[in-house]
Amino acid sequence: MLYAIWQITPSGKAHMQALLTTSSGLELQVAASEALAFQDIQNEPEVQGRLRLITEFEKKFPKSALLSYVYMFMRQQQKLTRRLAILKQR
């Protein structure tokens, strides 16, 4: 019972871990807050919103195991932004 109560406290939530599996099959164990922030980036419908969330993630989790994936995602978004700009010029 005490463990269940501890889990819902801010301190308990901060210590919760998420296990993520990359596309290459590598398993990463990260804080739940990091996993949720990464999921927010992936679910953001607007390119500029994704880039803003990526910048926030980088500042909030500078030593995250997900950072390389966030940077890869950022590069994809930057390429998409450039392509959209080129298409708008035509």
N, C-alpha and C. Protein backbone atom coordinates (compact mmCIF):
# COMPACT_ATOMS: atom_id res chain seq x y z
N MET A 1 0.82 -1.19 0.00
CA MET A 1 0.00 0.00 0.00
C MET A 1 0.86 1.26 0.00
N LEU A 2 1.91 1.28 0.83
CA LEU A 2 2.77 2.45 0.87
C LEU A 2 3.45 2.69 -0.47
N TYR A 3 3.83 1.61 -1.16
CA TYR A 3 4.46 1.75 -2.47
C TYR A 3 3.50 2.41 -3.45
N ALA A 4 2.23 2.03 -3.41
CA ALA A 4 1.22 2.61 -4.30
C ALA A 4 1.05 4.10 -4.01
N ILE A 5 1.06 4.46 -2.76
CA ILE A 5 0.96 5.88 -2.40
C ILE A 5 2.21 6.62 -2.85
N TRP A 6 3.37 6.03 -2.64
CA TRP A 6 4.63 6.66 -3.03
C TRP A 6 4.66 6.93 -4.54
N GLN A 7 4.10 5.99 -5.34
CA GLN A 7 4.11 6.14 -6.80
C GLN A 7 3.35 7.37 -7.27
N ILE A 8 2.33 7.78 -6.56
CA ILE A 8 1.53 8.91 -7.04
C ILE A 8 2.00 10.24 -6.50
N THR A 9 2.99 10.24 -5.62
CA THR A 9 3.55 11.50 -5.14
C THR A 9 4.50 12.06 -6.20
N PRO A 10 4.74 13.38 -6.19
CA PRO A 10 5.69 13.94 -7.17
C PRO A 10 7.06 13.28 -7.12
N SER A 11 7.54 12.97 -5.93
CA SER A 11 8.84 12.31 -5.80
C SER A 11 8.80 10.92 -6.41
N GLY A 12 7.73 10.20 -6.16
CA GLY A 12 7.59 8.86 -6.72
C GLY A 12 7.49 8.88 -8.23
N LYS A 13 6.72 9.81 -8.77
CA LYS A 13 6.59 9.92 -10.22
C LYS A 13 7.92 10.25 -10.88
N ALA A 14 8.73 11.05 -10.20
CA ALA A 14 10.04 11.42 -10.76
C ALA A 14 10.96 10.23 -10.86
N HIS A 15 10.76 9.22 -10.04
CA HIS A 15 11.63 8.04 -10.05
C HIS A 15 11.09 6.90 -10.90
N MET A 16 9.91 7.07 -11.49
CA MET A 16 9.36 6.02 -12.34
C MET A 16 10.19 5.92 -13.61
N GLN A 17 10.36 4.72 -14.12
CA GLN A 17 11.17 4.49 -15.31
C GLN A 17 10.30 3.93 -16.42
N ALA A 18 10.71 4.20 -17.64
CA ALA A 18 10.04 3.64 -18.82
C ALA A 18 11.08 2.86 -19.61
N LEU A 19 10.67 1.75 -20.16
CA LEU A 19 11.56 0.93 -20.97
C LEU A 19 11.11 1.08 -22.42
N LEU A 20 11.97 1.65 -23.24
CA LEU A 20 11.66 1.88 -24.65
C LEU A 20 12.53 1.00 -25.51
N THR A 21 11.99 0.54 -26.61
CA THR A 21 12.76 -0.27 -27.56
C THR A 21 12.91 0.52 -28.85
N THR A 22 14.14 0.70 -29.30
CA THR A 22 14.41 1.45 -30.52
C THR A 22 14.10 0.58 -31.73
N SER A 23 14.11 1.20 -32.90
CA SER A 23 13.84 0.45 -34.13
C SER A 23 14.89 -0.62 -34.39
N SER A 24 16.09 -0.44 -33.84
CA SER A 24 17.14 -1.44 -34.01
C SER A 24 17.08 -2.54 -32.95
N GLY A 25 16.10 -2.45 -32.03
CA GLY A 25 15.93 -3.47 -31.01
C GLY A 25 16.64 -3.18 -29.70
N LEU A 26 17.33 -2.06 -29.62
CA LEU A 26 18.03 -1.67 -28.39
C LEU A 26 17.01 -1.20 -27.36
N GLU A 27 17.13 -1.68 -26.14
CA GLU A 27 16.22 -1.27 -25.08
C GLU A 27 16.87 -0.16 -24.26
N LEU A 28 16.12 0.93 -24.08
CA LEU A 28 16.58 2.07 -23.31
C LEU A 28 15.69 2.25 -22.09
N GLN A 29 16.30 2.41 -20.93
CA GLN A 29 15.51 2.68 -19.74
C GLN A 29 15.71 4.15 -19.40
N VAL A 30 14.61 4.90 -19.44
CA VAL A 30 14.65 6.33 -19.19
C VAL A 30 13.54 6.69 -18.21
N ALA A 31 13.64 7.89 -17.65
CA ALA A 31 12.59 8.38 -16.76
C ALA A 31 11.29 8.50 -17.54
N ALA A 32 10.20 8.27 -16.86
CA ALA A 32 8.89 8.35 -17.51
C ALA A 32 8.67 9.74 -18.10
N SER A 33 9.15 10.77 -17.44
CA SER A 33 8.97 12.13 -17.95
C SER A 33 9.70 12.32 -19.28
N GLU A 34 10.86 11.69 -19.44
CA GLU A 34 11.58 11.76 -20.70
C GLU A 34 10.82 11.04 -21.81
N ALA A 35 10.32 9.85 -21.49
CA ALA A 35 9.57 9.07 -22.47
C ALA A 35 8.33 9.82 -22.92
N LEU A 36 7.64 10.45 -21.97
CA LEU A 36 6.43 11.21 -22.32
C LEU A 36 6.77 12.45 -23.15
N ALA A 37 7.87 13.11 -22.82
CA ALA A 37 8.28 14.29 -23.59
C ALA A 37 8.64 13.89 -25.02
N PHE A 38 9.31 12.76 -25.19
CA PHE A 38 9.66 12.26 -26.52
C PHE A 38 8.40 11.89 -27.30
N GLN A 39 7.45 11.30 -26.62
CA GLN A 39 6.17 10.95 -27.25
C GLN A 39 5.43 12.21 -27.69
N ASP A 40 5.49 13.26 -26.87
CA ASP A 40 4.87 14.54 -27.23
C ASP A 40 5.48 15.10 -28.51
N ILE A 41 6.80 14.98 -28.63
CA ILE A 41 7.49 15.45 -29.84
C ILE A 41 6.96 14.70 -31.06
N GLN A 42 6.89 13.39 -30.94
CA GLN A 42 6.45 12.57 -32.06
C GLN A 42 4.99 12.82 -32.43
N ASN A 43 4.17 13.16 -31.45
CA ASN A 43 2.74 13.35 -31.69
C ASN A 43 2.36 14.77 -32.10
N GLU A 44 3.28 15.71 -31.99
CA GLU A 44 2.99 17.10 -32.35
C GLU A 44 2.75 17.19 -33.86
N PRO A 45 1.59 17.73 -34.27
CA PRO A 45 1.27 17.76 -35.70
C PRO A 45 2.01 18.83 -36.51
N GLU A 46 2.42 19.92 -35.88
CA GLU A 46 3.07 21.02 -36.59
C GLU A 46 4.59 20.91 -36.50
N VAL A 47 5.26 21.15 -37.63
CA VAL A 47 6.73 21.05 -37.68
C VAL A 47 7.36 22.03 -36.71
N GLN A 48 6.91 23.29 -36.71
CA GLN A 48 7.50 24.28 -35.80
C GLN A 48 7.25 23.91 -34.34
N GLY A 49 6.10 23.33 -34.06
CA GLY A 49 5.82 22.86 -32.71
C GLY A 49 6.76 21.74 -32.30
N ARG A 50 7.06 20.83 -33.22
CA ARG A 50 8.01 19.74 -32.95
C ARG A 50 9.39 20.30 -32.64
N LEU A 51 9.82 21.27 -33.44
CA LEU A 51 11.14 21.85 -33.22
C LEU A 51 11.21 22.56 -31.86
N ARG A 52 10.13 23.22 -31.47
CA ARG A 52 10.08 23.88 -30.17
C ARG A 52 10.16 22.84 -29.05
N LEU A 53 9.40 21.74 -29.18
CA LEU A 53 9.43 20.69 -28.17
C LEU A 53 10.80 20.01 -28.09
N ILE A 54 11.46 19.88 -29.24
CA ILE A 54 12.81 19.30 -29.26
C ILE A 54 13.77 20.18 -28.48
N THR A 55 13.69 21.49 -28.69
CA THR A 55 14.55 22.42 -27.96
C THR A 55 14.28 22.34 -26.46
N GLU A 56 13.02 22.25 -26.08
CA GLU A 56 12.66 22.11 -24.66
C GLU A 56 13.20 20.81 -24.09
N PHE A 57 13.09 19.72 -24.84
CA PHE A 57 13.59 18.42 -24.40
C PHE A 57 15.10 18.50 -24.15
N GLU A 58 15.80 19.10 -25.09
CA GLU A 58 17.26 19.21 -24.98
C GLU A 58 17.66 19.98 -23.72
N LYS A 59 16.94 21.03 -23.40
CA LYS A 59 17.25 21.83 -22.21
C LYS A 59 16.89 21.09 -20.93
N LYS A 60 15.75 20.39 -20.95
CA LYS A 60 15.26 19.73 -19.75
C LYS A 60 16.01 18.43 -19.45
N PHE A 61 16.43 17.72 -20.50
CA PHE A 61 17.09 16.41 -20.33
C PHE A 61 18.42 16.38 -21.08
N PRO A 62 19.41 17.18 -20.67
CA PRO A 62 20.66 17.27 -21.42
C PRO A 62 21.50 15.99 -21.44
N LYS A 63 21.24 15.07 -20.54
CA LYS A 63 22.02 13.82 -20.49
C LYS A 63 21.16 12.60 -20.80
N SER A 64 20.04 12.82 -21.46
CA SER A 64 19.10 11.74 -21.75
C SER A 64 19.67 10.73 -22.73
N ALA A 65 19.34 9.48 -22.51
CA ALA A 65 19.70 8.42 -23.46
C ALA A 65 18.93 8.58 -24.77
N LEU A 66 17.85 9.34 -24.74
CA LEU A 66 17.04 9.56 -25.94
C LEU A 66 17.54 10.74 -26.78
N LEU A 67 18.52 11.45 -26.30
CA LEU A 67 18.96 12.67 -26.97
C LEU A 67 19.40 12.43 -28.41
N SER A 68 20.10 11.34 -28.68
CA SER A 68 20.53 11.08 -30.06
C SER A 68 19.32 10.85 -30.96
N TYR A 69 18.27 10.24 -30.44
CA TYR A 69 17.05 10.02 -31.22
C TYR A 69 16.31 11.33 -31.43
N VAL A 70 16.34 12.17 -30.42
CA VAL A 70 15.72 13.49 -30.53
C VAL A 70 16.45 14.32 -31.60
N TYR A 71 17.78 14.26 -31.60
CA TYR A 71 18.55 14.99 -32.62
C TYR A 71 18.26 14.45 -34.02
N MET A 72 18.15 13.14 -34.15
CA MET A 72 17.84 12.55 -35.44
C MET A 72 16.45 13.02 -35.91
N PHE A 73 15.51 13.05 -35.00
CA PHE A 73 14.17 13.51 -35.32
C PHE A 73 14.19 14.99 -35.71
N MET A 74 15.04 15.78 -35.01
CA MET A 74 15.17 17.20 -35.32
C MET A 74 15.71 17.40 -36.74
N ARG A 75 16.70 16.62 -37.12
CA ARG A 75 17.25 16.72 -38.48
C ARG A 75 16.17 16.43 -39.52
N GLN A 76 15.36 15.43 -39.26
CA GLN A 76 14.27 15.10 -40.18
C GLN A 76 13.29 16.27 -40.29
N GLN A 77 13.00 16.91 -39.17
CA GLN A 77 12.08 18.04 -39.18
C GLN A 77 12.67 19.24 -39.91
N GLN A 78 13.97 19.47 -39.74
CA GLN A 78 14.62 20.57 -40.44
C GLN A 78 14.61 20.34 -41.94
N LYS A 79 14.85 19.10 -42.36
CA LYS A 79 14.79 18.77 -43.80
C LYS A 79 13.38 18.99 -44.33
N LEU A 80 12.39 18.58 -43.56
CA LEU A 80 11.01 18.77 -43.96
C LEU A 80 10.68 20.26 -44.08
N THR A 81 11.16 21.06 -43.15
CA THR A 81 10.93 22.50 -43.18
C THR A 81 11.54 23.10 -44.44
N ARG A 82 12.76 22.69 -44.79
CA ARG A 82 13.42 23.21 -46.00
C ARG A 82 12.65 22.79 -47.26
N ARG A 83 12.21 21.55 -47.29
CA ARG A 83 11.45 21.08 -48.46
C ARG A 83 10.14 21.85 -48.62
N LEU A 84 9.47 22.10 -47.50
CA LEU A 84 8.22 22.87 -47.57
C LEU A 84 8.48 24.29 -48.05
N ALA A 85 9.59 24.88 -47.61
CA ALA A 85 9.93 26.24 -48.05
C ALA A 85 10.19 26.27 -49.56
N ILE A 86 10.88 25.26 -50.07
CA ILE A 86 11.17 25.17 -51.49
C ILE A 86 9.87 25.02 -52.28
N LEU A 87 8.98 24.18 -51.79
CA LEU A 87 7.71 23.98 -52.48
C LEU A 87 6.85 25.24 -52.49
N LYS A 88 6.92 26.03 -51.43
CA LYS A 88 6.16 27.28 -51.37
C LYS A 88 6.69 28.31 -52.35
N GLN A 89 7.99 28.24 -52.66
CA GLN A 89 8.59 29.19 -53.58
C GLN A 89 8.20 28.92 -55.03
N ARG A 90 7.79 27.73 -55.33
CA ARG A 90 7.46 27.34 -56.71
C ARG A 90 6.15 27.91 -57.14
